[in-house]
Protein backbone atom coordinates (compact mmCIF):
# COMPACT_ATOMS: atom_id res chain seq x y z
CA UNK A 1 -20.66 11.17 -5.23
CA UNK A 2 -20.86 8.60 -2.42
CA UNK A 3 -22.99 5.51 -2.92
CA UNK A 4 -23.70 2.17 -1.29
CA UNK A 5 -24.91 -1.35 -2.00
CA UNK A 6 -27.15 -2.51 0.82
CA UNK A 7 -27.16 -6.14 -0.37
CA UNK A 8 -23.45 -6.47 0.43
CA UNK A 9 -23.03 -3.57 2.90
CA UNK A 10 -20.39 -1.98 0.69
CA UNK A 11 -19.80 1.72 0.30
CA UNK A 12 -18.05 4.11 -2.09
CA UNK A 13 -16.71 6.95 0.04
CA UNK A 14 -14.03 9.64 -0.20
CA UNK A 15 -11.81 10.72 2.68
CA UNK A 16 -14.00 13.79 3.14
CA UNK A 17 -17.03 11.57 3.77
CA UNK A 18 -15.07 9.60 6.37
CA UNK A 19 -14.20 12.93 7.99
CA UNK A 20 -17.90 13.80 8.22
CA UNK A 21 -18.59 10.48 9.98
CA UNK A 22 -15.76 11.17 12.44
CA UNK A 23 -17.28 14.51 13.47
CA UNK A 24 -20.76 13.03 13.82
CA UNK A 25 -19.47 10.13 15.91
CA UNK A 26 -17.88 12.66 18.26
CA UNK A 27 -21.18 14.54 18.52
CA UNK A 28 -19.81 17.49 16.57
CA UNK A 29 -21.23 19.44 13.68
CA UNK A 30 -18.91 19.04 10.66
CA UNK A 31 -17.04 22.25 9.77
CA UNK A 32 -18.19 24.41 6.89
CA UNK A 33 -15.71 22.91 4.42
CA UNK A 34 -17.42 19.51 4.89
CA UNK A 35 -21.02 20.69 4.52
CA UNK A 36 -21.23 19.68 0.86
CA UNK A 37 -19.99 16.23 1.82
CA UNK A 38 -22.58 16.03 4.61
CA UNK A 39 -25.34 16.95 2.17
CA UNK A 40 -24.19 14.21 -0.22
CA UNK A 41 -24.40 11.64 2.57
CA UNK A 42 -27.83 12.88 3.60
CA UNK A 43 -29.03 12.75 0.01
CA UNK A 44 -28.38 8.99 -0.21
CA UNK A 45 -29.71 8.26 3.28
CA UNK A 46 -26.51 7.39 5.17
CA UNK A 47 -26.96 10.43 7.43
CA UNK A 48 -30.31 11.75 8.71
CA UNK A 49 -31.46 15.34 8.89
CA UNK A 50 -30.34 15.61 12.52
CA UNK A 51 -26.99 13.91 11.90
CA UNK A 52 -28.12 10.41 12.83
CA UNK A 53 -26.13 7.61 11.20
CA UNK A 54 -27.71 4.78 9.23
CA UNK A 55 -27.59 1.34 10.97
CA UNK A 56 -25.95 -0.07 7.84
CA UNK A 57 -22.80 1.84 8.82
CA UNK A 58 -22.36 0.02 12.13
CA UNK A 59 -19.48 -2.32 11.22
CA UNK A 60 -17.66 0.27 9.12
CA UNK A 61 -17.81 3.05 11.68
CA UNK A 62 -17.12 0.71 14.58
CA UNK A 63 -13.85 -0.40 12.99
CA UNK A 64 -12.82 3.12 11.98
CA UNK A 65 -13.60 4.54 15.42
CA UNK A 66 -11.71 1.89 17.39
CA UNK A 67 -9.10 0.18 15.19
CA UNK A 68 -6.81 -2.55 16.50
CA UNK A 69 -4.62 -2.72 13.39
CA UNK A 70 -4.31 -0.28 10.47
CA UNK A 71 -2.91 -1.54 7.16
CA UNK A 72 -1.97 0.78 4.29
CA UNK A 73 -1.27 -0.54 0.80
CA UNK A 74 0.20 1.85 -1.77
CA UNK A 75 0.52 0.54 -5.32
CA UNK A 76 2.26 2.67 -7.95
CA UNK A 77 1.82 1.73 -11.60
CA UNK A 78 1.18 3.33 -14.94
CA UNK A 79 -1.51 5.64 -13.52
CA UNK A 80 0.47 6.73 -10.47
CA UNK A 81 -0.08 5.77 -6.83
CA UNK A 82 -3.36 4.19 -5.75
CA UNK A 83 -4.11 3.69 -2.06
CA UNK A 84 -5.85 0.70 -0.53
CA UNK A 85 -6.01 -0.64 3.00
CA UNK A 86 -7.60 -2.70 5.74
CA UNK A 87 -8.87 -1.66 9.17
CA UNK A 88 -9.03 -4.42 11.77
CA UNK A 89 -11.60 -3.41 14.37
CA UNK A 90 -12.81 -5.04 17.55
CA UNK A 91 -15.82 -6.65 15.86
CA UNK A 92 -15.26 -6.25 12.11
CA UNK A 93 -12.51 -6.13 9.50
CA UNK A 94 -13.02 -3.50 6.81
CA UNK A 95 -11.16 -3.56 3.50
CA UNK A 96 -11.03 -0.57 1.17
CA UNK A 97 -9.86 -0.35 -2.44
CA UNK A 98 -9.00 2.77 -4.40
CA UNK A 99 -9.19 3.25 -8.16
CA UNK A 100 -6.89 5.32 -10.41
CA UNK A 101 -8.22 8.84 -10.88
CA UNK A 102 -11.23 8.30 -8.60
CA UNK A 103 -11.82 10.16 -5.35
CA UNK A 104 -13.87 7.44 -3.69
CA UNK A 105 -12.71 4.09 -2.38
CA UNK A 106 -14.87 1.01 -1.96
CA UNK A 107 -15.28 -0.17 1.64
CA UNK A 108 -16.49 -3.68 2.41
CA UNK A 109 -16.43 -6.03 5.40
CA UNK A 110 -14.29 -9.18 5.07
CA UNK A 111 -13.76 -12.28 7.19
CA UNK A 112 -10.69 -12.01 9.45
CA UNK A 113 -9.27 -15.34 8.26
CA UNK A 114 -9.09 -14.01 4.68
CA UNK A 115 -6.86 -11.07 5.59
CA UNK A 116 -3.64 -12.35 3.98
CA UNK A 117 -5.53 -13.33 0.82
CA UNK A 118 -7.06 -9.85 0.74
CA UNK A 119 -3.66 -8.16 0.98
CA UNK A 120 -2.28 -10.45 -1.73
CA UNK A 121 -5.20 -9.52 -3.97
CA UNK A 122 -4.57 -5.81 -3.48
CA UNK A 123 -0.99 -6.15 -4.74
CA UNK A 124 -1.93 -8.61 -7.51
CA UNK A 125 0.24 -11.39 -6.08
CA UNK A 126 -0.06 -14.60 -8.11
CA UNK A 127 1.77 -17.89 -8.06
CA UNK A 128 4.90 -18.02 -10.16
CA UNK A 129 7.21 -20.82 -11.16
CA UNK A 130 8.66 -22.82 -8.31
CA UNK A 131 12.15 -21.47 -7.57
CA UNK A 132 15.10 -23.72 -8.22
CA UNK A 133 16.47 -25.37 -5.10
CA UNK A 134 19.71 -23.82 -3.86
CA UNK A 135 19.39 -21.04 -6.46
CA UNK A 136 21.74 -18.20 -5.48
CA UNK A 137 20.28 -14.95 -4.23
CA UNK A 138 20.50 -12.11 -6.73
CA UNK A 139 20.98 -8.69 -5.17
CA UNK A 140 21.40 -5.45 -7.10
CA UNK A 141 22.63 -2.33 -5.32
CA UNK A 142 22.78 1.18 -6.73
CA UNK A 143 21.34 4.59 -5.79
CA UNK A 144 17.93 6.24 -5.96
CA UNK A 145 19.47 8.79 -8.31
CA UNK A 146 20.35 5.99 -10.75
CA UNK A 147 16.76 4.75 -10.62
CA UNK A 148 15.44 8.22 -11.38
CA UNK A 149 17.89 8.55 -14.26
CA UNK A 150 16.74 5.23 -15.73
CA UNK A 151 13.08 6.24 -15.52
CA UNK A 152 13.76 9.56 -17.25
CA UNK A 153 15.81 8.01 -20.04
CA UNK A 154 13.33 5.20 -20.69
CA UNK A 155 10.43 7.63 -20.69
CA UNK A 156 11.91 10.22 -23.04
CA UNK A 157 13.56 8.11 -25.75
CA UNK A 158 12.12 5.88 -28.45
CA UNK A 159 12.15 2.13 -27.92
CA UNK A 160 15.20 1.72 -30.17
CA UNK A 161 17.23 4.35 -28.31
CA UNK A 162 15.98 3.98 -24.75
CA UNK A 163 18.24 1.10 -23.72
CA UNK A 164 21.47 2.83 -24.71
CA UNK A 165 20.39 6.16 -23.26
CA UNK A 166 19.29 4.51 -20.02
CA UNK A 167 22.60 2.68 -19.73
CA UNK A 168 24.48 5.95 -20.20
CA UNK A 169 22.26 7.85 -17.75
CA UNK A 170 22.56 5.19 -15.05
CA UNK A 171 26.32 5.01 -15.55
CA UNK A 172 26.60 8.76 -15.01
CA UNK A 173 24.43 8.59 -11.88
CA UNK A 174 26.26 5.59 -10.39
CA UNK A 175 29.68 4.84 -11.86
CA UNK A 176 30.12 1.83 -9.53
CA UNK A 177 27.29 -0.16 -11.12
CA UNK A 178 28.82 -2.48 -13.75
CA UNK A 179 27.66 -5.44 -15.81
CA UNK A 180 26.13 -7.92 -15.29
CA UNK A 181 24.29 -6.05 -12.50
CA UNK A 182 23.90 -2.95 -14.68
CA UNK A 183 22.20 -4.94 -17.43
CA UNK A 184 19.97 -6.73 -14.89
CA UNK A 185 19.00 -3.43 -13.33
CA UNK A 186 18.00 -1.95 -16.70
CA UNK A 187 15.98 -5.08 -17.47
CA UNK A 188 14.11 -4.76 -14.16
CA UNK A 189 13.28 -1.09 -14.64
CA UNK A 190 12.08 -1.71 -18.21
CA UNK A 191 9.89 -4.64 -17.08
CA UNK A 192 8.49 -2.92 -14.00
CA UNK A 193 4.71 -3.35 -13.81
CA UNK A 194 4.27 -1.73 -10.42
CA UNK A 195 5.92 -1.06 -7.10
CA UNK A 196 4.02 -1.55 -3.89
CA UNK A 197 4.41 -1.32 -0.18
CA UNK A 198 2.34 -2.57 2.73
CA UNK A 199 2.59 -0.80 6.08
CA UNK A 200 1.02 -2.33 9.19
CA UNK A 201 0.61 -0.25 12.38
CA UNK A 202 -0.88 -1.11 15.73
CA UNK A 203 -0.84 -0.08 19.37
CA UNK A 204 1.52 -2.64 20.87
CA UNK A 205 4.09 -3.38 23.52
CA UNK A 206 7.87 -3.00 23.48
CA UNK A 207 9.94 -3.99 26.50
CA UNK A 208 6.79 -3.87 28.59
CA UNK A 209 5.85 -0.34 27.51
CA UNK A 210 2.90 0.68 25.35
CA UNK A 211 4.10 2.03 22.02
CA UNK A 212 3.16 2.38 18.36
CA UNK A 213 4.45 -0.60 16.37
CA UNK A 214 5.09 -0.56 12.61
CA UNK A 215 6.14 -3.20 10.09
CA UNK A 216 6.44 -2.66 6.36
CA UNK A 217 7.34 -4.42 3.13
CA UNK A 218 8.25 -2.94 -0.27
CA UNK A 219 8.27 -4.98 -3.49
CA UNK A 220 8.88 -4.47 -7.20
CA UNK A 221 6.56 -6.42 -9.49
CA UNK A 222 8.67 -6.85 -12.63
CA UNK A 223 6.25 -8.98 -14.64
CA UNK A 224 8.10 -11.82 -16.37
CA UNK A 225 11.20 -11.07 -14.29
CA UNK A 226 9.30 -11.80 -11.09
CA UNK A 227 9.13 -10.14 -7.70
CA UNK A 228 12.02 -8.24 -6.14
CA UNK A 229 12.01 -7.16 -2.51
CA UNK A 230 13.32 -3.66 -1.95
CA UNK A 231 15.63 -3.97 1.05
CA UNK A 232 16.89 -0.39 0.89
CA UNK A 233 15.68 2.27 1.43
CA UNK A 234 14.24 0.29 4.31
CA UNK A 235 10.56 0.75 5.10
CA UNK A 236 8.95 2.57 6.75
CA UNK A 237 10.40 5.67 5.08
CA UNK A 238 9.92 9.04 6.74
CA UNK A 239 9.42 12.26 4.70
CA UNK A 240 12.74 13.73 3.59
CA UNK A 241 14.65 10.58 4.47
CA UNK A 242 15.48 9.50 0.91
CA UNK A 243 17.53 11.47 -1.62
CA UNK A 244 19.44 10.82 -4.87
CA UNK A 245 22.46 9.43 -2.98
CA UNK A 246 20.39 7.03 -0.88
CA UNK A 247 21.24 3.36 -1.41
CA UNK A 248 18.75 1.33 -3.46
CA UNK A 249 18.98 -2.44 -3.05
CA UNK A 250 16.58 -5.02 -4.49
CA UNK A 251 16.74 -8.80 -4.01
CA UNK A 252 15.13 -11.41 -6.24
CA UNK A 253 12.24 -13.22 -4.59
CA UNK A 254 9.21 -15.30 -5.53
CA UNK A 255 5.50 -15.27 -4.76
CA UNK A 256 5.77 -17.86 -2.00
CA UNK A 257 8.39 -15.84 -0.13
CA UNK A 258 6.44 -12.61 -0.64
CA UNK A 259 3.30 -14.32 0.71
CA UNK A 260 5.22 -15.35 3.84
CA UNK A 261 6.61 -11.85 4.30
CA UNK A 262 3.08 -10.38 4.04
CA UNK A 263 1.93 -12.86 6.67
CA UNK A 264 4.85 -11.91 8.93
CA UNK A 265 3.80 -8.25 8.81
CA UNK A 266 0.67 -8.99 10.84
CA UNK A 267 0.98 -8.85 14.63
CA UNK A 268 0.36 -11.92 16.75
CA UNK A 269 -2.33 -11.70 19.40
CA UNK A 270 0.22 -11.35 22.18
CA UNK A 271 1.71 -8.31 20.44
CA UNK A 272 -1.54 -6.37 20.69
CA UNK A 273 -2.57 -4.30 23.70
CA UNK A 274 -5.07 -6.15 25.85
CA UNK A 275 -7.53 -3.44 26.92
CA UNK A 276 -9.01 -5.80 29.52
């Protein structure tokens, strides 16, 4: 069920409720499959009997109807993928957070100058130990098939057996991966708290022409082993683009570098289309 907190202008809404708002904003009657969702919104007072929208929705619907920048954050952990995001509108910035196993997301307005902090919060980015100066980069390269094999082996075996079985499974999937990289790779997979990716899209300019612009970042959060940036497969990934033989490459990073890379995802003002 949808709900809202008028004291903070925050809302719990599912995608189907957002779809109802979209139809009403266009002056359309929602289709039959959305009638139950419309009734739920009417029941809590966000939509009137004639389809009128509550004033409390102004910032939310204004941003959704005319977005300047759309940001998607997908975090995959123990409970599977959870989707979050931010919509940068002309007059408001709306952040939304999902919850594992829940249909609704929480939508709330945030200050524009807190955007990077908000994205860092969504991916649970915290300060880690200061990296050693001139520390060599650590890069591990294998295949997506080897990653799948490691996950299967670690998930099916007991704790005492999983390491040996995972080593064997990864070796069969990618015979080129040898120690010490093989051992490091198994350590990373075993320590993996979550993987996440941030995708930023906006209507921009390229070589003087108006075009859709996309930047993305994918990271492994490996708990005590730190953050690892997934360089390959390179984001954004299109459906069907990645298979078992696709190259997987991760590079050791740290929270400061990840923070900078999140910041670099956001377009500068001159990269946005000036409607004036």
